């Protein structure tokens, strides 16, 4: 995937997958270029057009993030939903079931008669509220 690596005056420098570098005019871009934008390059004999590859950049980021999540065994969940479930139903482990941690959810359920799982659930909910969310409103737990 080609990526804008430098903008200098009216010139745009695009890094290629093969390690090469393309220099083009900013006027060849059909968008306002920024460094780190992923682009697609279309050439004819007389001209070049550079388009922003929005979907590709998002797909690359999503695939990288999914690899990180699966490697850690952690799952992205909606921040607000997780926090509400943890604060109000934390003693029953509902937030653990929601985040895909069934074993911990069962453990919370087994100890729901004590106040310990409720206190821990409340604390986890408050901590979740202070975690920074991604652009989709998700956090990793």
C-alpha atoms as a PDB file:
ATOM      1  CA  UNK A   1       0.000   0.000   0.000  1.00  0.00           C
ATOM      2  CA  UNK A   2       1.436   3.369  -1.020  1.00  0.00           C
ATOM      3  CA  UNK A   3       1.684   6.027   1.669  1.00  0.00           C
ATOM      4  CA  UNK A   4       2.453   9.748   1.748  1.00  0.00           C
ATOM      5  CA  UNK A   5       5.702  10.077   3.670  1.00  0.00           C
ATOM      6  CA  UNK A   6       6.534  13.754   3.154  1.00  0.00           C
ATOM      7  CA  UNK A   7       4.985  16.976   1.904  1.00  0.00           C
ATOM      8  CA  UNK A   8       7.323  19.780   0.965  1.00  0.00           C
ATOM      9  CA  UNK A   9       5.884  22.924  -0.581  1.00  0.00           C
ATOM     10  CA  UNK A  10       3.866  21.884  -3.616  1.00  0.00           C
ATOM     11  CA  UNK A  11       5.478  18.416  -3.782  1.00  0.00           C
ATOM     12  CA  UNK A  12       4.190  15.165  -2.313  1.00  0.00           C
ATOM     13  CA  UNK A  13       6.515  12.226  -1.678  1.00  0.00           C
ATOM     14  CA  UNK A  14       4.882   8.811  -1.724  1.00  0.00           C
ATOM     15  CA  UNK A  15       6.560   5.707  -0.339  1.00  0.00           C
ATOM     16  CA  UNK A  16       5.950   2.539  -2.342  1.00  0.00           C
ATOM     17  CA  UNK A  17       5.635  -1.033  -1.077  1.00  0.00           C
ATOM     18  CA  UNK A  18       8.787  -1.972  -2.940  1.00  0.00           C
ATOM     19  CA  UNK A  19      10.795   0.700  -1.095  1.00  0.00           C
ATOM     20  CA  UNK A  20      10.683   3.184  -3.943  1.00  0.00           C
ATOM     21  CA  UNK A  21       9.704   6.824  -3.700  1.00  0.00           C
ATOM     22  CA  UNK A  22       7.455   8.787  -6.044  1.00  0.00           C
ATOM     23  CA  UNK A  23       7.514  12.564  -6.230  1.00  0.00           C
ATOM     24  CA  UNK A  24       4.326  14.238  -7.447  1.00  0.00           C
ATOM     25  CA  UNK A  25       2.696  17.648  -7.385  1.00  0.00           C
ATOM     26  CA  UNK A  26       0.060  18.392  -4.766  1.00  0.00           C
ATOM     27  CA  UNK A  27      -2.275  19.373  -7.615  1.00  0.00           C
ATOM     28  CA  UNK A  28      -2.198  15.718  -8.769  1.00  0.00           C
ATOM     29  CA  UNK A  29      -4.021  14.731  -5.564  1.00  0.00           C
ATOM     30  CA  UNK A  30      -7.812  14.822  -5.711  1.00  0.00           C
ATOM     31  CA  UNK A  31      -7.896  15.449  -1.924  1.00  0.00           C
ATOM     32  CA  UNK A  32      -5.961  17.519   0.594  1.00  0.00           C
ATOM     33  CA  UNK A  33      -2.932  15.327   1.268  1.00  0.00           C
ATOM     34  CA  UNK A  34      -1.516  14.688   4.733  1.00  0.00           C
ATOM     35  CA  UNK A  35       1.507  12.717   5.857  1.00  0.00           C
ATOM     36  CA  UNK A  36       0.627   9.040   6.584  1.00  0.00           C
ATOM     37  CA  UNK A  37      -2.379   9.018   4.214  1.00  0.00           C
ATOM     38  CA  UNK A  38      -2.645   5.782   2.254  1.00  0.00           C
ATOM     39  CA  UNK A  39      -3.064   6.473  -1.452  1.00  0.00           C
ATOM     40  CA  UNK A  40      -3.745   4.840  -4.777  1.00  0.00           C
ATOM     41  CA  UNK A  41      -1.838   6.085  -7.820  1.00  0.00           C
ATOM     42  CA  UNK A  42      -3.355   6.097 -11.296  1.00  0.00           C
ATOM     43  CA  UNK A  43      -1.144   6.915 -14.285  1.00  0.00           C
ATOM     44  CA  UNK A  44      -1.637   7.536 -17.944  1.00  0.00           C
ATOM     45  CA  UNK A  45       0.936   8.593 -20.506  1.00  0.00           C
ATOM     46  CA  UNK A  46       0.384  12.304 -19.815  1.00  0.00           C
ATOM     47  CA  UNK A  47      -0.891  12.561 -16.254  1.00  0.00           C
ATOM     48  CA  UNK A  48      -1.032  11.102 -12.770  1.00  0.00           C
ATOM     49  CA  UNK A  49      -3.947  11.109 -10.323  1.00  0.00           C
ATOM     50  CA  UNK A  50      -3.515  10.321  -6.645  1.00  0.00           C
ATOM     51  CA  UNK A  51      -6.574   9.253  -4.649  1.00  0.00           C
ATOM     52  CA  UNK A  52      -6.890   8.649  -0.950  1.00  0.00           C
ATOM     53  CA  UNK A  53      -7.360   4.956  -0.139  1.00  0.00           C
ATOM     54  CA  UNK A  54      -9.667   5.401   2.865  1.00  0.00           C
ATOM     55  CA  UNK A  55     -11.072   1.892   3.005  1.00  0.00           C
ATOM     56  CA  UNK A  56      -7.684   0.239   2.627  1.00  0.00           C
ATOM     57  CA  UNK A  57      -6.179   2.228   5.488  1.00  0.00           C
ATOM     58  CA  UNK A  58      -9.075   1.311   7.742  1.00  0.00           C
ATOM     59  CA  UNK A  59      -8.861  -2.351   6.720  1.00  0.00           C
ATOM     60  CA  UNK A  60      -5.127  -2.444   7.413  1.00  0.00           C
ATOM     61  CA  UNK A  61      -5.595  -0.841  10.806  1.00  0.00           C
ATOM     62  CA  UNK A  62      -8.485  -3.181  11.659  1.00  0.00           C
ATOM     63  CA  UNK A  63      -6.504  -6.271  10.672  1.00  0.00           C
ATOM     64  CA  UNK A  64      -3.500  -5.149  12.721  1.00  0.00           C
ATOM     65  CA  UNK A  65      -5.687  -4.374  15.737  1.00  0.00           C
ATOM     66  CA  UNK A  66      -7.493  -7.715  15.391  1.00  0.00           C
ATOM     67  CA  UNK A  67      -4.132  -9.503  15.367  1.00  0.00           C
ATOM     68  CA  UNK A  68      -3.135  -7.645  18.534  1.00  0.00           C
ATOM     69  CA  UNK A  69      -6.433  -8.467  20.231  1.00  0.00           C
ATOM     70  CA  UNK A  70      -6.242 -12.144  19.359  1.00  0.00           C
ATOM     71  CA  UNK A  71      -2.576 -12.398  20.401  1.00  0.00           C
ATOM     72  CA  UNK A  72      -3.326 -10.933  23.831  1.00  0.00           C
ATOM     73  CA  UNK A  73      -6.540 -12.910  24.257  1.00  0.00           C
ATOM     74  CA  UNK A  74      -8.330  -9.619  24.821  1.00  0.00           C
ATOM     75  CA  UNK A  75     -11.436  -8.421  23.075  1.00  0.00           C
ATOM     76  CA  UNK A  76     -12.613  -4.905  22.203  1.00  0.00           C
ATOM     77  CA  UNK A  77     -15.962  -4.040  23.798  1.00  0.00           C
ATOM     78  CA  UNK A  78     -18.118  -0.941  23.872  1.00  0.00           C
ATOM     79  CA  UNK A  79     -16.851   1.279  26.683  1.00  0.00           C
ATOM     80  CA  UNK A  80     -20.227   2.542  27.925  1.00  0.00           C
ATOM     81  CA  UNK A  81     -21.962  -0.850  27.757  1.00  0.00           C
ATOM     82  CA  UNK A  82     -19.118  -2.548  29.624  1.00  0.00           C
ATOM     83  CA  UNK A  83     -18.996   0.151  32.321  1.00  0.00           C
ATOM     84  CA  UNK A  84     -22.778   0.117  32.873  1.00  0.00           C
ATOM     85  CA  UNK A  85     -22.852  -3.680  33.086  1.00  0.00           C
ATOM     86  CA  UNK A  86     -19.893  -3.729  35.479  1.00  0.00           C
ATOM     87  CA  UNK A  87     -21.283  -1.034  37.777  1.00  0.00           C
ATOM     88  CA  UNK A  88     -24.873  -2.270  37.975  1.00  0.00           C
ATOM     89  CA  UNK A  89     -24.564  -6.030  37.355  1.00  0.00           C
ATOM     90  CA  UNK A  90     -20.922  -6.578  38.276  1.00  0.00           C
ATOM     91  CA  UNK A  91     -21.722  -8.846  41.203  1.00  0.00           C
ATOM     92  CA  UNK A  92     -23.230 -11.342  38.734  1.00  0.00           C
ATOM     93  CA  UNK A  93     -20.295 -11.073  36.308  1.00  0.00           C
ATOM     94  CA  UNK A  94     -22.426  -9.892  33.393  1.00  0.00           C
ATOM     95  CA  UNK A  95     -19.623  -7.586  32.198  1.00  0.00           C
ATOM     96  CA  UNK A  96     -17.245 -10.580  32.085  1.00  0.00           C
ATOM     97  CA  UNK A  97     -19.681 -12.600  29.973  1.00  0.00           C
ATOM     98  CA  UNK A  98     -20.089  -9.551  27.714  1.00  0.00           C
ATOM     99  CA  UNK A  99     -16.328  -9.289  27.206  1.00  0.00           C
ATOM    100  CA  UNK A 100     -16.023 -12.990  26.344  1.00  0.00           C
ATOM    101  CA  UNK A 101     -14.409 -14.071  29.619  1.00  0.00           C
ATOM    102  CA  UNK A 102     -16.860 -16.825  30.466  1.00  0.00           C
ATOM    103  CA  UNK A 103     -14.679 -18.444  33.123  1.00  0.00           C
ATOM    104  CA  UNK A 104     -14.421 -15.227  35.112  1.00  0.00           C
ATOM    105  CA  UNK A 105     -18.134 -14.616  34.607  1.00  0.00           C
ATOM    106  CA  UNK A 106     -18.918 -17.979  36.188  1.00  0.00           C
ATOM    107  CA  UNK A 107     -16.537 -17.213  39.055  1.00  0.00           C
ATOM    108  CA  UNK A 108     -18.310 -13.896  39.707  1.00  0.00           C
ATOM    109  CA  UNK A 109     -21.654 -15.717  39.532  1.00  0.00           C
ATOM    110  CA  UNK A 110     -20.512 -18.292  42.083  1.00  0.00           C
ATOM    111  CA  UNK A 111     -19.538 -15.532  44.517  1.00  0.00           C
ATOM    112  CA  UNK A 112     -22.468 -13.190  43.835  1.00  0.00           C
ATOM    113  CA  UNK A 113     -23.840 -13.914  47.329  1.00  0.00           C
ATOM    114  CA  UNK A 114     -20.829 -12.122  48.799  1.00  0.00           C
ATOM    115  CA  UNK A 115     -20.230  -8.425  48.324  1.00  0.00           C
ATOM    116  CA  UNK A 116     -16.707  -8.997  47.006  1.00  0.00           C
ATOM    117  CA  UNK A 117     -17.690  -9.599  43.379  1.00  0.00           C
ATOM    118  CA  UNK A 118     -19.999  -6.561  43.481  1.00  0.00           C
ATOM    119  CA  UNK A 119     -17.247  -4.311  44.805  1.00  0.00           C
ATOM    120  CA  UNK A 120     -14.746  -5.599  42.250  1.00  0.00           C
ATOM    121  CA  UNK A 121     -17.317  -5.189  39.455  1.00  0.00           C
ATOM    122  CA  UNK A 122     -18.021  -1.603  40.526  1.00  0.00           C
ATOM    123  CA  UNK A 123     -14.298  -0.798  40.564  1.00  0.00           C
ATOM    124  CA  UNK A 124     -13.811  -2.371  37.119  1.00  0.00           C
ATOM    125  CA  UNK A 125     -16.704  -0.292  35.785  1.00  0.00           C
ATOM    126  CA  UNK A 126     -15.200   2.929  37.114  1.00  0.00           C
ATOM    127  CA  UNK A 127     -11.793   2.017  35.673  1.00  0.00           C
ATOM    128  CA  UNK A 128     -13.435   1.284  32.314  1.00  0.00           C
ATOM    129  CA  UNK A 129     -14.912   4.794  32.275  1.00  0.00           C
ATOM    130  CA  UNK A 130     -11.418   6.281  32.529  1.00  0.00           C
ATOM    131  CA  UNK A 131      -9.868   4.110  29.803  1.00  0.00           C
ATOM    132  CA  UNK A 132      -9.392   5.919  26.485  1.00  0.00           C
ATOM    133  CA  UNK A 133     -11.685   4.588  23.776  1.00  0.00           C
ATOM    134  CA  UNK A 134     -10.825   4.140  20.107  1.00  0.00           C
ATOM    135  CA  UNK A 135     -12.675   5.969  17.321  1.00  0.00           C
ATOM    136  CA  UNK A 136     -15.499   3.415  17.521  1.00  0.00           C
ATOM    137  CA  UNK A 137     -15.997   3.877  21.269  1.00  0.00           C
ATOM    138  CA  UNK A 138     -14.393   0.534  22.142  1.00  0.00           C
ATOM    139  CA  UNK A 139     -11.913  -0.370  24.858  1.00  0.00           C
ATOM    140  CA  UNK A 140      -9.820  -3.502  25.273  1.00  0.00           C
ATOM    141  CA  UNK A 141     -10.478  -5.515  28.428  1.00  0.00           C
END
